[in-house]
N, C-alpha and C. Protein backbone atom coordinates (compact mmCIF):
# COMPACT_ATOMS: atom_id res chain seq x y z
N UNK A 1 0.97 -1.32 -0.33
CA UNK A 1 0.21 0.07 -0.20
C UNK A 1 0.64 1.09 0.47
N UNK A 2 0.55 2.01 -0.94
CA UNK A 2 1.50 3.43 -0.89
C UNK A 2 0.45 4.67 -1.02
N UNK A 3 0.52 5.22 0.21
CA UNK A 3 -0.27 6.43 0.85
C UNK A 3 0.84 7.77 -0.04
N UNK A 4 0.65 8.26 -0.96
CA UNK A 4 1.30 9.09 -1.94
C UNK A 4 0.51 10.59 -1.53
N UNK A 5 1.53 11.41 -1.64
CA UNK A 5 0.73 12.81 -1.85
C UNK A 5 0.14 13.53 -3.25
N UNK A 6 -0.74 14.07 -3.21
CA UNK A 6 -1.25 14.70 -4.38
C UNK A 6 -2.06 15.99 -4.25
N UNK A 7 -2.80 16.15 -5.49
CA UNK A 7 -3.11 17.60 -5.22
C UNK A 7 -3.96 17.85 -6.33
N UNK A 8 -5.69 18.12 -5.89
CA UNK A 8 -6.36 18.98 -6.69
C UNK A 8 -6.39 20.23 -6.84
N UNK A 9 -7.66 20.76 -7.26
CA UNK A 9 -7.38 22.04 -8.00
C UNK A 9 -6.86 23.12 -6.91
N UNK A 10 -7.31 22.73 -5.94
CA UNK A 10 -7.40 23.96 -4.67
C UNK A 10 -6.57 23.37 -3.37
N UNK A 11 -6.44 22.12 -3.33
CA UNK A 11 -6.10 21.64 -2.31
C UNK A 11 -5.11 20.54 -2.35
N UNK A 12 -4.11 19.92 -1.17
CA UNK A 12 -3.00 19.24 -1.41
C UNK A 12 -3.13 18.07 -0.66
N UNK A 13 -3.04 17.11 -0.59
CA UNK A 13 -3.38 15.63 0.07
C UNK A 13 -2.00 15.25 0.60
N UNK A 14 -1.81 14.98 1.82
CA UNK A 14 -0.37 14.82 2.47
C UNK A 14 -0.21 13.83 3.34
N UNK A 15 0.00 12.59 3.32
CA UNK A 15 0.00 11.79 4.83
C UNK A 15 0.07 12.02 5.97
N UNK A 16 -1.02 11.59 6.58
CA UNK A 16 -0.83 12.30 8.24
C UNK A 16 -0.01 11.31 8.69
N UNK A 17 0.77 12.33 9.42
CA UNK A 17 1.96 11.98 9.88
C UNK A 17 2.46 13.25 11.35
N UNK A 18 3.69 12.97 11.99
CA UNK A 18 3.84 13.89 13.35
C UNK A 18 3.63 14.92 12.86
N UNK A 19 4.00 15.82 11.65
CA UNK A 19 4.39 16.95 11.50
C UNK A 19 2.32 17.84 11.67
N UNK A 20 1.79 16.81 11.45
CA UNK A 20 0.34 17.36 11.81
C UNK A 20 -0.55 17.54 13.02
N UNK A 21 0.42 16.75 14.07
CA UNK A 21 0.14 17.33 15.32
C UNK A 21 0.02 18.16 15.99
N UNK A 22 -0.56 19.09 15.99
CA UNK A 22 -0.76 20.58 16.48
C UNK A 22 -1.48 20.68 17.64
N UNK A 23 -1.26 21.68 17.80
CA UNK A 23 -2.80 22.59 18.72
C UNK A 23 -3.89 22.52 17.92
N UNK A 24 -4.03 23.31 17.11
CA UNK A 24 -5.26 23.47 16.14
C UNK A 24 -5.76 22.12 15.52
N UNK A 25 -5.04 21.08 15.62
CA UNK A 25 -5.92 19.51 15.51
C UNK A 25 -6.64 19.11 16.66
N UNK A 26 -5.94 19.65 17.74
CA UNK A 26 -6.19 18.97 19.41
C UNK A 26 -7.49 19.94 19.42
N UNK A 27 -7.31 20.99 18.61
CA UNK A 27 -8.99 21.56 19.15
C UNK A 27 -10.14 20.94 18.45
N UNK A 28 -9.51 20.49 16.84
CA UNK A 28 -10.96 20.54 16.18
C UNK A 28 -11.51 19.50 16.65
N UNK A 29 -10.84 18.55 17.71
CA UNK A 29 -11.21 16.97 18.18
C UNK A 29 -12.02 17.31 19.65
N UNK A 30 -11.56 18.66 19.97
CA UNK A 30 -12.13 19.16 21.44
C UNK A 30 -13.42 19.81 20.97
N UNK A 31 -13.71 20.20 19.92
CA UNK A 31 -14.79 21.26 19.50
C UNK A 31 -15.99 20.57 19.47
N UNK A 32 -17.00 20.62 20.09
CA UNK A 32 -18.41 20.03 20.39
C UNK A 32 -18.99 20.26 18.68
N UNK A 33 -18.49 21.35 18.27
CA UNK A 33 -19.43 21.59 16.83
C UNK A 33 -18.63 20.81 15.80
N UNK A 34 -17.06 20.56 15.99
CA UNK A 34 -16.41 19.83 15.12
C UNK A 34 -16.77 18.32 15.05
N UNK A 35 -16.87 18.05 16.16
CA UNK A 35 -17.00 16.16 16.22
C UNK A 35 -18.35 16.28 16.87
N UNK A 36 -18.82 16.91 16.75
CA UNK A 36 -20.81 16.72 17.01
C UNK A 36 -21.13 15.11 16.80
N UNK A 37 -20.27 14.46 15.51
CA UNK A 37 -21.41 13.46 14.36
C UNK A 37 -19.92 12.28 14.31
N UNK A 38 -19.05 12.68 15.28
CA UNK A 38 -17.87 11.70 15.16
C UNK A 38 -17.83 10.80 16.07
N UNK A 39 -17.63 9.71 16.09
CA UNK A 39 -17.17 8.42 17.20
C UNK A 39 -16.21 9.13 18.45
N UNK A 40 -15.25 9.64 17.65
CA UNK A 40 -14.12 10.17 18.88
C UNK A 40 -14.45 11.84 18.92
N UNK A 41 -13.68 12.45 20.14
CA UNK A 41 -13.78 13.64 19.96
C UNK A 41 -13.96 14.13 21.64
N UNK A 42 -13.20 14.80 22.10
CA UNK A 42 -13.48 16.14 23.09
C UNK A 42 -12.33 14.62 24.12
N UNK A 43 -11.98 15.80 25.07
CA UNK A 43 -10.48 15.16 25.89
C UNK A 43 -9.69 14.67 25.10
N UNK A 44 -9.37 15.57 24.10
CA UNK A 44 -7.85 15.36 23.47
C UNK A 44 -6.76 16.04 24.02
N UNK A 45 -5.52 15.33 24.15
CA UNK A 45 -4.51 16.52 23.89
C UNK A 45 -3.39 15.97 23.30
N UNK A 46 -2.56 17.09 23.47
CA UNK A 46 -1.21 16.74 22.22
C UNK A 46 -0.78 15.35 21.88
N UNK A 47 -0.42 14.62 23.84
CA UNK A 47 0.20 13.57 23.46
C UNK A 47 -0.93 12.83 23.01
N UNK A 48 -2.27 12.59 23.22
CA UNK A 48 -3.02 11.43 22.61
C UNK A 48 -3.15 11.60 21.41
N UNK A 49 -3.39 12.78 20.62
CA UNK A 49 -2.99 13.10 19.43
C UNK A 49 -2.14 12.54 18.77
N UNK A 50 -0.79 12.88 19.08
CA UNK A 50 0.42 11.89 18.79
C UNK A 50 0.17 10.74 18.57
N UNK A 51 -0.15 10.17 20.13
CA UNK A 51 -0.25 8.73 20.20
C UNK A 51 -1.19 7.76 18.62
N UNK A 52 -2.15 8.83 18.34
CA UNK A 52 -3.48 8.26 17.45
C UNK A 52 -2.58 8.17 15.96
N UNK A 53 -1.76 9.08 15.94
CA UNK A 53 -1.01 9.68 14.73
C UNK A 53 -0.32 8.55 14.00
N UNK A 54 0.57 8.18 15.49
CA UNK A 54 1.89 7.59 15.33
C UNK A 54 0.99 5.88 15.06
N UNK A 55 0.36 5.98 15.69
CA UNK A 55 -0.48 4.01 15.51
C UNK A 55 -0.77 4.20 14.11
N UNK A 56 -1.61 5.24 13.60
CA UNK A 56 -1.88 5.22 11.98
C UNK A 56 -1.42 5.22 11.19
N UNK A 57 -0.13 5.96 11.47
CA UNK A 57 1.02 6.00 10.41
C UNK A 57 1.79 4.55 10.10
N UNK A 58 1.98 3.57 11.41
CA UNK A 58 2.69 2.46 11.10
C UNK A 58 1.33 1.51 10.29
N UNK A 59 0.39 1.67 10.65
CA UNK A 59 -0.75 0.63 9.97
C UNK A 59 -0.50 1.45 8.28
N UNK A 60 0.31 2.18 7.96
CA UNK A 60 0.68 2.19 6.21
C UNK A 60 -0.97 2.59 5.46
N UNK A 61 -2.35 2.98 6.43
CA UNK A 61 -3.16 3.28 5.75
C UNK A 61 -3.04 4.51 4.86
N UNK A 62 -4.26 4.23 3.56
CA UNK A 62 -4.57 5.46 3.06
C UNK A 62 -4.97 6.65 3.92
N UNK A 63 -4.51 7.47 4.73
CA UNK A 63 -5.34 8.88 5.65
C UNK A 63 -4.55 10.15 5.02
N UNK A 64 -5.12 10.89 4.67
CA UNK A 64 -4.66 12.37 4.29
C UNK A 64 -4.85 13.35 5.04
N UNK A 65 -4.74 14.06 5.39
CA UNK A 65 -4.28 15.64 5.32
C UNK A 65 -4.45 16.79 4.64
N UNK A 66 -5.74 17.32 4.31
CA UNK A 66 -6.41 18.14 3.51
C UNK A 66 -5.47 19.51 4.28
N UNK A 67 -4.58 19.66 2.94
CA UNK A 67 -4.01 21.21 3.05
C UNK A 67 -4.85 22.52 1.93
N UNK A 68 -4.37 23.41 1.69
CA UNK A 68 -4.96 24.60 1.19
C UNK A 68 -3.66 24.95 0.52
N UNK A 69 -3.82 25.04 -1.02
CA UNK A 69 -2.66 24.55 -1.14
C UNK A 69 -2.24 26.62 -1.31
N UNK A 70 -2.88 27.11 -1.47
CA UNK A 70 -2.43 28.86 -1.20
C UNK A 70 -1.50 28.62 -0.04
N UNK A 71 -2.20 28.53 1.04
CA UNK A 71 -1.19 28.52 2.24
C UNK A 71 -0.62 27.36 3.21
N UNK A 72 -1.21 26.92 2.53
CA UNK A 72 -0.55 25.44 3.23
C UNK A 72 -1.35 25.05 4.50
N UNK A 73 -2.29 25.21 4.70
CA UNK A 73 -2.96 25.36 6.40
C UNK A 73 -3.51 24.14 5.86
N UNK A 74 -3.71 23.56 7.09
CA UNK A 74 -4.09 21.90 7.19
C UNK A 74 -5.66 22.49 7.82
N UNK A 75 -6.28 22.17 7.01
CA UNK A 75 -8.15 22.22 7.38
C UNK A 75 -8.56 20.64 7.57
N UNK A 76 -8.33 19.71 7.78
CA UNK A 76 -9.19 18.89 7.97
C UNK A 76 -8.41 17.07 7.52
N UNK A 77 -8.92 16.37 7.41
CA UNK A 77 -8.27 15.14 7.32
C UNK A 77 -9.63 13.70 6.12
N UNK A 78 -8.97 12.98 5.37
CA UNK A 78 -9.36 12.13 5.05
C UNK A 78 -9.08 10.79 4.82
N UNK A 79 -9.96 9.65 4.73
CA UNK A 79 -8.82 8.40 4.98
C UNK A 79 -9.85 7.45 4.53
N UNK A 80 -9.40 6.61 4.11
CA UNK A 80 -9.93 5.01 3.38
C UNK A 80 -9.32 4.27 3.97
N UNK A 81 -10.24 3.70 5.31
CA UNK A 81 -9.55 2.56 6.36
C UNK A 81 -10.71 1.93 6.81
N UNK A 82 -10.99 0.67 6.77
CA UNK A 82 -9.89 -0.22 6.24
C UNK A 82 -10.57 -1.06 4.84
N UNK A 83 -9.31 -1.24 4.36
CA UNK A 83 -9.89 -1.81 3.08
C UNK A 83 -9.97 -3.35 3.46
N UNK A 84 -10.97 -3.73 2.02
CA UNK A 84 -11.50 -5.29 2.35
C UNK A 84 -11.07 -5.77 1.21
N UNK A 85 -10.11 -6.40 0.73
CA UNK A 85 -9.20 -7.00 -0.46
C UNK A 85 -10.23 -7.93 -0.81
N UNK A 86 -11.38 -8.90 0.26
CA UNK A 86 -11.58 -9.71 -0.35
C UNK A 86 -13.12 -9.03 -1.21
N UNK A 87 -13.31 -8.13 -1.01
CA UNK A 87 -14.75 -7.62 -1.76
C UNK A 87 -14.08 -6.20 -1.91
N UNK A 88 -13.17 -5.93 -2.45
CA UNK A 88 -12.34 -4.72 -3.19
C UNK A 88 -13.10 -3.42 -3.25
N UNK A 89 -13.08 -3.23 -1.47
CA UNK A 89 -13.86 -2.05 -1.14
C UNK A 89 -13.17 -1.70 0.00
N UNK A 90 -13.28 -0.08 0.34
CA UNK A 90 -12.77 0.51 1.26
C UNK A 90 -13.89 1.70 2.25
N UNK A 91 -13.44 1.83 3.16
CA UNK A 91 -14.41 2.76 4.07
C UNK A 91 -13.77 4.00 4.08
N UNK A 92 -15.17 5.27 3.73
CA UNK A 92 -14.08 6.45 3.80
C UNK A 92 -14.75 7.17 4.80
N UNK A 93 -13.90 8.52 5.42
CA UNK A 93 -14.06 9.00 6.19
C UNK A 93 -13.38 10.34 5.88
N UNK A 94 -14.55 11.49 6.43
CA UNK A 94 -13.61 12.97 6.53
C UNK A 94 -13.80 13.21 7.58
N UNK A 95 -12.88 14.22 7.95
CA UNK A 95 -13.07 15.16 8.85
C UNK A 95 -12.61 16.88 8.66
N UNK A 96 -13.56 18.16 8.43
CA UNK A 96 -13.10 19.26 8.05
C UNK A 96 -13.22 19.83 9.38
N UNK A 97 -11.99 20.02 10.16
CA UNK A 97 -12.03 20.62 10.83
C UNK A 97 -11.71 22.14 11.06
N UNK A 98 -11.04 22.85 10.54
CA UNK A 98 -11.08 23.81 10.35
C UNK A 98 -12.16 24.60 9.75
N UNK A 99 -12.91 25.46 10.88
CA UNK A 99 -14.63 25.87 10.39
C UNK A 99 -14.89 27.26 9.72
N UNK A 100 -13.32 27.79 9.75
CA UNK A 100 -12.77 28.96 8.81
C UNK A 100 -13.44 28.65 7.71
N UNK A 101 -13.01 27.13 7.28
CA UNK A 101 -13.32 27.01 6.09
C UNK A 101 -14.30 25.80 5.23
N UNK A 102 -15.12 25.58 6.49
CA UNK A 102 -16.51 25.19 5.85
C UNK A 102 -17.25 25.78 5.40
N UNK A 103 -18.02 25.20 4.48
CA UNK A 103 -18.97 25.78 3.86
C UNK A 103 -18.10 26.52 2.11
N UNK A 104 -17.58 25.96 1.78
CA UNK A 104 -16.13 26.28 0.50
C UNK A 104 -16.15 25.90 -0.45
N UNK A 105 -16.54 24.49 0.20
CA UNK A 105 -17.01 22.97 -1.23
C UNK A 105 -15.28 22.49 -1.14
N UNK A 106 -14.99 22.46 -0.17
CA UNK A 106 -13.50 21.83 0.10
C UNK A 106 -13.82 20.12 0.39
N UNK A 107 -14.66 19.89 1.19
CA UNK A 107 -14.94 18.31 1.68
C UNK A 107 -15.43 17.51 0.17
N UNK A 108 -15.92 18.51 -0.57
CA UNK A 108 -16.81 17.87 -1.89
C UNK A 108 -15.45 17.59 -2.91
N UNK A 109 -14.43 18.63 -3.00
CA UNK A 109 -13.37 18.66 -4.19
C UNK A 109 -12.49 17.58 -3.00
N UNK A 110 -12.39 17.93 -2.17
CA UNK A 110 -11.31 16.42 -1.74
C UNK A 110 -11.74 14.82 -1.17
N UNK A 111 -13.21 15.07 -1.27
CA UNK A 111 -14.00 13.01 -1.34
C UNK A 111 -13.91 13.24 -2.87
N UNK A 112 -13.87 14.08 -4.03
CA UNK A 112 -13.91 13.33 -5.33
C UNK A 112 -12.33 13.13 -5.77
N UNK A 113 -11.42 13.90 -5.01
CA UNK A 113 -9.83 13.37 -5.79
C UNK A 113 -9.85 12.18 -4.98
N UNK A 114 -9.92 12.03 -3.58
CA UNK A 114 -9.71 10.62 -3.11
C UNK A 114 -10.38 9.63 -4.01
N UNK A 115 -11.73 9.57 -3.86
CA UNK A 115 -12.79 8.76 -4.64
C UNK A 115 -11.94 8.40 -5.92
N UNK A 116 -11.61 8.98 -6.73
CA UNK A 116 -11.63 9.25 -7.81
C UNK A 116 -10.02 8.27 -7.67
N UNK A 117 -9.45 8.83 -6.46
CA UNK A 117 -7.55 7.96 -6.65
C UNK A 117 -8.40 6.26 -6.40
N UNK A 118 -9.26 6.31 -5.38
CA UNK A 118 -9.29 4.60 -4.88
C UNK A 118 -9.72 3.97 -6.19
N UNK A 119 -10.83 4.76 -7.06
CA UNK A 119 -11.14 3.71 -8.23
C UNK A 119 -9.74 3.57 -9.18
N UNK A 120 -9.12 4.95 -9.21
CA UNK A 120 -8.36 5.23 -10.54
C UNK A 120 -7.12 4.40 -10.40
N UNK A 121 -6.38 4.51 -8.78
CA UNK A 121 -4.78 3.98 -8.54
C UNK A 121 -5.07 2.76 -8.00
N UNK A 122 -6.07 2.97 -6.94
CA UNK A 122 -6.24 1.73 -5.71
C UNK A 122 -7.07 0.71 -6.43
N UNK A 123 -7.78 1.21 -7.76
CA UNK A 123 -8.63 -0.05 -8.47
C UNK A 123 -9.89 -0.69 -7.57
N UNK A 124 -10.21 0.20 -6.31
CA UNK A 124 -11.47 -0.21 -5.82
C UNK A 124 -12.69 -0.18 -6.69
N UNK A 125 -13.49 -1.39 -5.95
CA UNK A 125 -14.75 -1.50 -6.83
C UNK A 125 -15.79 -0.80 -6.24
N UNK A 126 -15.62 -0.30 -4.71
CA UNK A 126 -16.44 0.25 -4.32
C UNK A 126 -16.14 0.91 -2.83
N UNK A 127 -16.87 1.94 -2.27
CA UNK A 127 -16.11 2.60 -1.36
C UNK A 127 -17.79 2.41 -0.61
N UNK A 128 -17.36 2.79 0.95
CA UNK A 128 -18.73 2.52 1.37
C UNK A 128 -18.39 3.44 3.12
N UNK A 129 -19.19 3.91 3.38
CA UNK A 129 -19.07 5.27 5.11
C UNK A 129 -20.51 5.12 5.56
N UNK A 130 -20.09 5.20 6.77
CA UNK A 130 -21.18 5.22 7.39
C UNK A 130 -21.59 6.84 8.01
N UNK A 131 -22.62 7.31 8.38
CA UNK A 131 -23.30 8.87 8.84
C UNK A 131 -24.08 9.09 9.31
N UNK A 132 -24.48 9.86 10.46
CA UNK A 132 -25.19 10.09 11.43
C UNK A 132 -26.18 10.90 10.55
N UNK A 133 -27.11 10.04 10.34
CA UNK A 133 -28.16 10.46 9.69
C UNK A 133 -29.15 12.20 9.64
N UNK A 134 -28.56 12.21 11.11
CA UNK A 134 -29.20 14.29 11.34
C UNK A 134 -27.88 14.70 10.83
N UNK A 135 -26.98 14.50 10.59
CA UNK A 135 -25.88 15.30 9.75
C UNK A 135 -26.20 15.25 8.25
N UNK A 136 -27.18 16.39 8.18
CA UNK A 136 -27.74 16.86 7.00
C UNK A 136 -26.70 17.03 5.96
N UNK A 137 -25.83 18.12 6.75
CA UNK A 137 -24.76 18.98 5.29
C UNK A 137 -23.71 17.25 4.71
N UNK A 138 -23.84 16.57 5.13
CA UNK A 138 -22.52 15.41 5.24
C UNK A 138 -23.77 14.37 4.35
N UNK A 139 -24.78 13.87 4.58
CA UNK A 139 -25.29 13.21 3.77
C UNK A 139 -25.90 13.63 2.53
N UNK A 140 -26.21 14.78 2.35
CA UNK A 140 -26.77 16.02 0.93
C UNK A 140 -24.90 15.60 0.22
N UNK A 141 -24.06 16.06 1.00
CA UNK A 141 -22.64 16.08 0.14
C UNK A 141 -22.74 14.33 -0.56
N UNK A 142 -22.95 13.73 0.46
CA UNK A 142 -22.29 11.82 -0.03
C UNK A 142 -23.63 11.98 -1.28
N UNK A 143 -24.58 11.89 -1.28
CA UNK A 143 -25.89 12.00 -2.24
C UNK A 143 -25.21 12.10 -3.75
N UNK A 144 -24.92 13.95 -3.13
CA UNK A 144 -24.31 14.73 -4.37
C UNK A 144 -23.21 13.79 -5.19
N UNK A 145 -22.32 13.32 -4.57
CA UNK A 145 -21.29 12.72 -5.24
C UNK A 145 -21.47 11.26 -5.91
N UNK A 146 -22.78 10.60 -5.41
CA UNK A 146 -23.53 10.04 -6.15
C UNK A 146 -23.26 8.49 -5.05
N UNK A 147 -23.42 8.50 -3.96
CA UNK A 147 -23.81 7.48 -2.91
C UNK A 147 -25.16 7.12 -3.15
N UNK A 148 -25.64 6.13 -2.68
CA UNK A 148 -26.57 5.95 -1.84
C UNK A 148 -26.67 5.28 -0.49
N UNK A 149 -28.00 5.09 -0.16
CA UNK A 149 -28.31 4.41 0.95
C UNK A 149 -28.48 2.78 1.26
N UNK A 150 -27.53 2.14 1.72
CA UNK A 150 -27.73 0.31 1.71
C UNK A 150 -28.51 0.13 2.54
N UNK A 151 -28.61 1.26 3.83
CA UNK A 151 -29.15 0.70 5.09
C UNK A 151 -29.27 1.48 6.10
N UNK A 152 -30.54 1.64 6.87
CA UNK A 152 -30.75 2.52 7.95
C UNK A 152 -30.80 1.71 9.27
N UNK A 153 -29.49 2.10 9.95
CA UNK A 153 -29.39 1.46 11.26
C UNK A 153 -30.11 2.14 12.42
N UNK A 154 -31.35 1.75 13.18
CA UNK A 154 -31.89 2.86 14.08
C UNK A 154 -31.30 2.46 15.42
N UNK A 155 -31.38 3.93 15.65
CA UNK A 155 -30.96 4.06 17.23
C UNK A 155 -30.05 3.54 17.96
N UNK A 156 -28.38 3.94 16.38
CA UNK A 156 -27.64 3.88 16.63
C UNK A 156 -26.57 3.98 18.25
N UNK A 157 -26.96 5.31 18.41
CA UNK A 157 -26.19 5.94 19.64
C UNK A 157 -26.31 7.39 19.68
N UNK A 158 -25.98 8.04 20.90
CA UNK A 158 -26.52 9.34 21.14
C UNK A 158 -25.45 10.35 20.52
N UNK A 159 -26.22 11.30 19.44
CA UNK A 159 -25.06 12.17 18.81
C UNK A 159 -25.90 13.39 18.91
N UNK A 160 -25.16 14.49 19.43
CA UNK A 160 -26.07 15.46 19.63
C UNK A 160 -26.67 15.90 20.97
N UNK A 161 -26.37 15.16 21.98
CA UNK A 161 -27.72 14.60 23.03
C UNK A 161 -28.94 13.84 22.30
N UNK A 162 -28.92 12.93 21.27
CA UNK A 162 -30.17 12.65 21.18
C UNK A 162 -30.09 11.09 20.57
N UNK A 163 -30.71 10.23 21.21
CA UNK A 163 -30.62 9.09 20.16
C UNK A 163 -30.34 9.38 18.59
N UNK A 164 -29.94 9.02 17.60
CA UNK A 164 -29.69 8.95 16.09
C UNK A 164 -30.04 7.52 15.39
N UNK A 165 -30.33 7.49 13.95
CA UNK A 165 -30.35 6.47 13.37
C UNK A 165 -28.93 6.87 12.87
N UNK A 166 -28.13 5.76 12.30
CA UNK A 166 -26.98 6.01 11.10
C UNK A 166 -27.74 5.35 9.58
N UNK A 167 -26.79 5.98 8.78
CA UNK A 167 -27.09 5.51 7.47
C UNK A 167 -25.58 4.58 6.74
N UNK A 168 -25.77 3.48 6.20
CA UNK A 168 -24.80 3.22 5.72
C UNK A 168 -25.09 3.38 3.84
N UNK A 169 -24.03 3.95 3.41
CA UNK A 169 -23.99 4.20 1.90
C UNK A 169 -22.66 3.37 1.16
N UNK A 170 -22.72 3.87 0.13
CA UNK A 170 -22.01 3.20 -0.76
C UNK A 170 -21.89 3.73 -2.00
N UNK A 171 -20.74 3.76 -2.74
CA UNK A 171 -20.69 4.18 -4.23
C UNK A 171 -19.75 3.34 -4.88
N UNK A 172 -20.35 3.01 -6.20
CA UNK A 172 -19.58 1.58 -6.89
C UNK A 172 -19.06 2.36 -7.95
N UNK A 173 -17.46 1.37 -8.32
CA UNK A 173 -16.97 2.02 -9.47
C UNK A 173 -17.72 2.45 -10.65
N UNK A 174 -17.79 3.03 -11.29
CA UNK A 174 -18.05 2.80 -12.83
C UNK A 174 -17.35 2.33 -14.02
N UNK A 175 -18.07 0.83 -13.96
CA UNK A 175 -16.90 0.50 -15.31
C UNK A 175 -17.38 0.20 -16.67
């Protein structure tokens, strides 16, 4: 598995590494608005984040930091993990941590770049994801990209102080 750095129109994707362990990243993970729909978040420290990033780096997974081309600022992360070689599919996840850059289309640009990389370079046949149904912005983005709902899992766990449903979604490569 080779996690290479590459670019899209406005963004640079670099393998997440120790250079990304910053106060800003810790702040994202502790920001209730940023981590509202994440399974992790809250009570992060630089040491905890460093340990997490080191663990992910050792796994040699497809895990990129999203940087703005013009300023090189780290604004989020995106990954495909795990990859199921039998099914030739990967699990997608994205975190747009820098709230100053929300609503500018970066999540869509990054998602399309990584999805195209997965289909064209890694040669996956399918990308899957899980999303909290109440995370309407994410669900709308995934539907615009072409993901379809495969299953609704009722009452999975509390998000934003209420029990929420989760959606399992998938996108298949165009053959």
